[in-house]
Protein backbone atom coordinates (compact mmCIF):
# COMPACT_ATOMS: atom_id res chain seq x y z
CA SER A 1 -12.95 11.80 4.06
CA THR A 2 -11.91 9.60 7.01
CA GLY A 3 -15.24 7.68 8.30
CA ILE A 4 -17.33 4.70 8.49
CA LEU A 5 -19.67 3.69 5.82
CA GLN A 6 -22.99 3.84 7.40
CA GLU A 7 -25.44 3.83 4.52
CA LEU A 8 -25.19 2.78 0.75
CA TYR A 9 -27.66 4.15 -1.14
CA VAL A 10 -27.24 2.46 -4.65
CA GLU A 11 -26.08 -1.41 -5.96
CA ILE A 12 -24.67 -2.49 -8.84
CA GLY A 13 -26.44 -1.83 -12.36
CA GLN A 14 -28.04 1.37 -10.93
CA ASP A 15 -28.73 4.10 -12.99
CA VAL A 16 -27.80 7.52 -11.01
CA SER A 17 -27.57 10.96 -11.91
CA SER A 18 -25.62 14.47 -11.47
CA GLY A 19 -25.88 15.60 -7.82
CA GLN A 20 -27.19 12.16 -6.23
CA LEU A 21 -26.41 11.14 -2.68
CA VAL A 22 -25.02 7.63 -3.28
CA ALA A 23 -23.20 7.09 0.49
CA ARG A 24 -23.09 8.37 4.00
CA LEU A 25 -19.66 8.04 6.13
CA TYR A 26 -19.98 8.56 10.25
CA ASN A 27 -17.14 10.31 11.59
CA PRO A 28 -17.26 9.29 15.84
CA ASP A 29 -14.69 12.03 16.81
CA LEU A 30 -16.44 15.01 14.49
CA ALA A 31 -19.71 14.03 16.37
CA SER A 32 -18.26 14.09 19.67
CA GLN A 33 -16.38 16.90 19.31
CA LYS A 34 -19.31 18.93 17.97
CA ALA A 35 -21.50 17.58 20.62
CA LEU A 36 -19.13 19.00 23.37
CA LEU A 37 -19.01 22.31 21.71
CA GLU A 38 -22.79 22.47 21.81
CA SER A 39 -22.91 21.93 25.20
CA GLU A 40 -20.20 24.66 26.14
CA LEU A 41 -22.12 27.15 24.21
CA ALA A 42 -25.71 26.12 26.12
CA ALA A 43 -23.73 26.25 29.30
CA LEU A 44 -22.63 29.91 28.43
CA ASP A 45 -26.31 30.78 27.67
CA GLN A 46 -27.50 29.76 30.79
CA SER A 47 -27.88 32.17 33.67
CA TRP A 48 -25.51 31.29 36.50
CA ALA A 49 -27.71 33.02 38.98
CA PHE A 50 -31.29 30.89 38.28
CA TYR A 51 -30.15 27.79 38.50
CA ASP A 52 -32.97 25.40 37.11
CA SER A 53 -32.79 22.53 39.36
CA ALA A 54 -35.46 20.87 36.92
CA GLN A 55 -33.07 20.69 34.32
CA GLU A 56 -30.78 18.91 36.72
CA ARG A 57 -33.09 16.44 37.34
CA LEU A 58 -33.63 15.95 33.37
CA ILE A 59 -29.89 15.50 32.75
CA ARG A 60 -29.32 13.01 35.24
CA ASN A 61 -32.20 11.02 33.71
CA LYS A 62 -30.53 11.49 30.73
CA MET A 63 -27.46 10.05 31.86
CA SER A 64 -28.91 6.72 33.59
CA LEU A 65 -31.28 5.96 30.52
CA THR A 66 -27.95 6.18 28.30
CA LYS A 67 -25.88 4.17 30.58
CA ASP A 68 -28.31 1.57 30.56
CA ILE A 69 -28.70 1.77 26.49
CA LEU A 70 -24.89 1.24 26.33
CA ALA A 71 -25.00 -1.65 28.71
CA SER A 72 -27.53 -2.99 26.49
CA LYS A 73 -25.61 -2.57 23.58
CA SER A 74 -22.06 -3.54 24.63
CA GLU A 75 -24.00 -6.90 25.84
CA TYR A 76 -25.88 -7.30 22.45
CA LEU A 77 -21.97 -7.03 20.55
CA ASN A 78 -20.93 -9.77 22.84
CA SER A 79 -23.51 -11.97 21.86
CA VAL A 80 -23.17 -11.28 18.09
CA LYS A 81 -19.29 -12.17 18.44
CA PHE A 82 -20.32 -14.82 20.34
CA LEU A 83 -22.36 -15.96 17.36
CA ILE A 84 -19.60 -15.22 14.75
CA GLU A 85 -17.20 -17.66 16.54
CA GLN A 86 -19.95 -20.25 15.84
CA GLY A 87 -20.49 -19.64 12.52
CA ALA A 88 -24.36 -17.97 13.24
CA ALA A 89 -23.76 -14.23 12.45
CA THR A 90 -22.19 -12.23 9.68
CA VAL A 91 -19.60 -9.34 9.48
CA ALA A 92 -22.19 -6.78 8.62
CA GLU A 93 -24.29 -7.63 11.65
CA LEU A 94 -20.91 -7.38 13.65
CA ASN A 95 -20.30 -3.94 12.09
CA LEU A 96 -23.71 -2.92 12.92
CA ALA A 97 -23.63 -4.21 16.44
CA ARG A 98 -20.28 -2.40 16.91
CA ASP A 99 -21.79 0.97 15.43
CA GLY A 100 -24.74 0.75 17.77
CA ARG A 101 -22.32 0.39 20.62
CA ASP A 102 -19.93 3.21 19.35
CA ARG A 103 -23.26 5.53 19.24
CA ALA A 104 -24.42 4.55 22.37
CA GLN A 105 -20.97 5.17 24.35
CA MET A 106 -21.00 8.54 22.41
CA ASP A 107 -24.51 9.72 23.89
CA TYR A 108 -23.35 8.40 27.47
CA ASP A 109 -20.29 10.42 27.16
CA GLN A 110 -22.12 13.53 26.16
CA ALA A 111 -24.75 12.79 28.85
CA ARG A 112 -22.02 12.73 31.54
CA PHE A 113 -20.13 15.68 29.97
CA GLU A 114 -23.64 17.71 30.47
CA HIS A 115 -23.86 16.26 34.02
CA GLU A 116 -20.40 17.44 34.88
CA ARG A 117 -20.99 20.72 33.22
CA SER A 118 -24.33 21.20 35.18
CA GLN A 119 -22.62 20.66 38.75
CA GLU A 120 -20.05 23.38 37.82
CA ASN A 121 -22.43 25.75 36.70
CA ARG A 122 -24.29 25.07 40.03
CA ASN A 123 -21.70 26.04 41.85
CA LYS A 124 -20.60 29.26 39.99
CA GLN A 125 -22.01 32.58 41.68
CA SER A 126 -21.64 34.90 38.82
CA ALA A 127 -21.73 34.82 34.70
CA LEU A 128 -18.61 36.10 32.87
CA PRO A 129 -18.55 39.51 31.98
CA ASP A 130 -20.58 40.43 28.76
CA ALA A 131 -17.94 40.72 26.54
CA THR A 132 -15.87 37.85 27.92
CA ALA A 133 -19.00 35.33 27.33
CA GLU A 134 -19.78 37.05 23.77
CA SER A 135 -16.25 36.46 22.71
CA ALA A 136 -16.31 33.02 24.18
CA ARG A 137 -19.76 32.17 21.95
CA LEU A 138 -18.24 33.74 18.85
CA GLN A 139 -15.03 31.18 19.19
CA ILE A 140 -17.07 28.14 19.93
CA ARG A 141 -19.63 28.50 17.25
CA ALA A 142 -16.79 29.17 14.44
CA LYS A 143 -15.20 25.52 15.76
CA ILE A 144 -18.83 24.18 15.22
CA LYS A 145 -19.08 25.63 11.87
CA ALA A 146 -15.99 24.04 11.09
CA ILE A 147 -16.95 20.83 12.30
CA GLU A 148 -20.46 21.12 10.20
CA GLN A 149 -18.18 21.64 7.25
CA GLN A 150 -16.36 18.52 7.70
CA GLN A 151 -19.45 16.65 8.47
CA ALA A 152 -20.65 17.77 5.15
CA GLN A 153 -18.01 16.36 3.30
CA LEU A 154 -19.28 12.75 4.79
CA TYR A 155 -22.13 12.87 2.37
CA GLN A 156 -20.63 11.60 -1.12
CA ILE A 157 -22.45 13.28 -3.91
CA LEU A 158 -21.93 11.98 -7.60
CA PRO A 159 -19.97 14.65 -9.76
CA TYR A 160 -21.80 13.37 -12.95
CA GLY A 161 -24.39 10.51 -13.88
CA GLY A 162 -24.32 7.51 -15.46
CA ARG A 163 -24.49 3.65 -13.94
CA ILE A 164 -22.72 1.68 -11.06
CA LEU A 165 -20.40 -0.92 -12.57
CA ASP A 166 -19.00 -1.92 -9.35
CA VAL A 167 -19.21 -1.48 -5.44
CA PHE A 168 -15.53 -1.76 -3.39
CA ALA A 169 -16.99 -0.37 -0.21
CA THR A 170 -19.00 -2.43 2.50
CA GLN A 171 -21.46 -0.85 5.33
CA GLY A 172 -19.56 -0.68 8.55
CA GLN A 173 -16.11 -0.39 6.98
CA SER A 174 -13.75 2.17 7.99
CA LEU A 175 -12.54 4.37 5.15
CA SER A 176 -9.68 6.84 4.56
CA PRO A 177 -9.26 10.02 2.15
CA GLY A 178 -9.11 8.49 -1.35
CA ALA A 179 -10.60 5.06 -1.05
CA PRO A 180 -12.93 3.91 -3.46
CA VAL A 181 -16.49 3.49 -3.03
CA LEU A 182 -17.97 2.45 -5.94
CA LEU A 183 -17.10 2.37 -9.81
CA LEU A 184 -19.17 4.94 -11.97
CA GLY A 185 -19.40 4.42 -15.58
CA ARG A 186 -20.64 7.49 -18.10
CA SER A 187 -23.19 6.45 -20.75
CA GLU A 188 -21.95 9.54 -23.01
CA LYS A 189 -19.53 7.54 -24.93
CA PRO A 190 -20.00 3.98 -24.46
CA PHE A 191 -17.47 1.39 -25.92
CA VAL A 192 -17.82 -2.08 -26.39
CA ILE A 193 -14.39 -4.58 -25.80
CA ALA A 194 -14.47 -7.36 -28.65
CA TYR A 195 -12.51 -10.40 -29.32
CA LEU A 196 -12.10 -11.04 -32.80
CA SER A 197 -10.19 -14.18 -34.88
CA PRO A 198 -6.84 -13.34 -36.15
CA LYS A 199 -8.19 -13.61 -39.99
CA TYR A 200 -10.42 -10.32 -38.91
CA ALA A 201 -7.64 -8.45 -36.81
CA LYS A 202 -6.42 -6.30 -40.19
CA TYR A 203 -10.12 -4.63 -39.91
CA ALA A 204 -9.43 -3.57 -35.91
CA ARG A 205 -7.73 -0.28 -36.97
CA GLN A 206 -8.46 3.00 -35.35
CA GLY A 207 -10.85 5.31 -37.02
CA GLY A 208 -12.40 2.54 -39.05
CA HIS A 209 -16.33 1.56 -39.17
CA ALA A 210 -18.17 -1.18 -37.41
CA THR A 211 -21.58 -2.54 -36.42
CA VAL A 212 -22.29 -3.64 -32.84
CA ARG A 213 -25.09 -6.15 -32.52
CA LEU A 214 -26.81 -6.38 -29.40
CA PRO A 215 -28.35 -9.50 -27.74
CA ASP A 216 -31.68 -8.53 -28.84
CA GLY A 217 -30.71 -7.93 -32.31
CA LYS A 218 -30.68 -4.23 -32.42
CA LYS A 219 -27.62 -2.93 -34.14
CA LEU A 220 -25.69 0.13 -33.54
CA LYS A 221 -23.14 2.05 -35.71
CA ALA A 222 -19.69 2.27 -34.06
CA THR A 223 -15.99 3.48 -34.73
CA VAL A 224 -12.71 1.63 -33.85
CA ARG A 225 -11.07 3.46 -30.74
CA GLU A 226 -7.92 1.74 -30.88
CA ASN A 227 -6.12 -0.55 -32.68
CA ALA A 228 -5.75 -4.55 -32.04
CA ASN A 229 -2.41 -5.30 -30.91
CA LEU A 230 -3.02 -7.32 -27.99
CA THR A 231 -3.15 -11.25 -28.61
CA ARG A 232 -4.34 -13.74 -26.87
CA ARG A 233 -6.66 -16.84 -26.23
CA LEU A 234 -10.17 -16.24 -26.93
CA PRO A 235 -12.48 -16.75 -24.02
């Protein structure tokens, strides 16, 4: 899925299980589309004949509050950018500040949209015909369901258990479909890469038996998986 890596719940060396949530992406476009559709659906469910002035005041207050929050988040983002130039802040802090500003912008846009819609509703004298309104509701609900299915794909679930060998993505990074997030090693059939002196190369033949000695002294029986065909200096 396309989105911004908002949360990463695992780290290198961690043992994980099948079905575990390891990362969560955030797609501001999907969130904005869903918010607009939900506002349209709420507007259809309202009764134009009984306009609620208290609700209008609540919407105005919400728009004012989200505007103040947006200004604060924007000011904080500018401060972090200045600190980045001075070498006193990290890229992660910049990404978090930018993400906070984007969220605040989306909240303000939604509040402004609700306010504009409430003004339109106030000027309407009659509701849509029942059949037309119900058809519009069904179409909007179908669109919302489709967006929710896309948002569900933003949650990255493990197909099988194992151990996290490496992490390629960082929090705040924009990802596209197919971009690597992490390297998952399965523990069902572990293998060992062994470096041999040339005099022992003849023993490294596929199907041969071997003994793996771990640093703690434990020994494991093993089978040679591949022939020793690569030659280079020992590390």
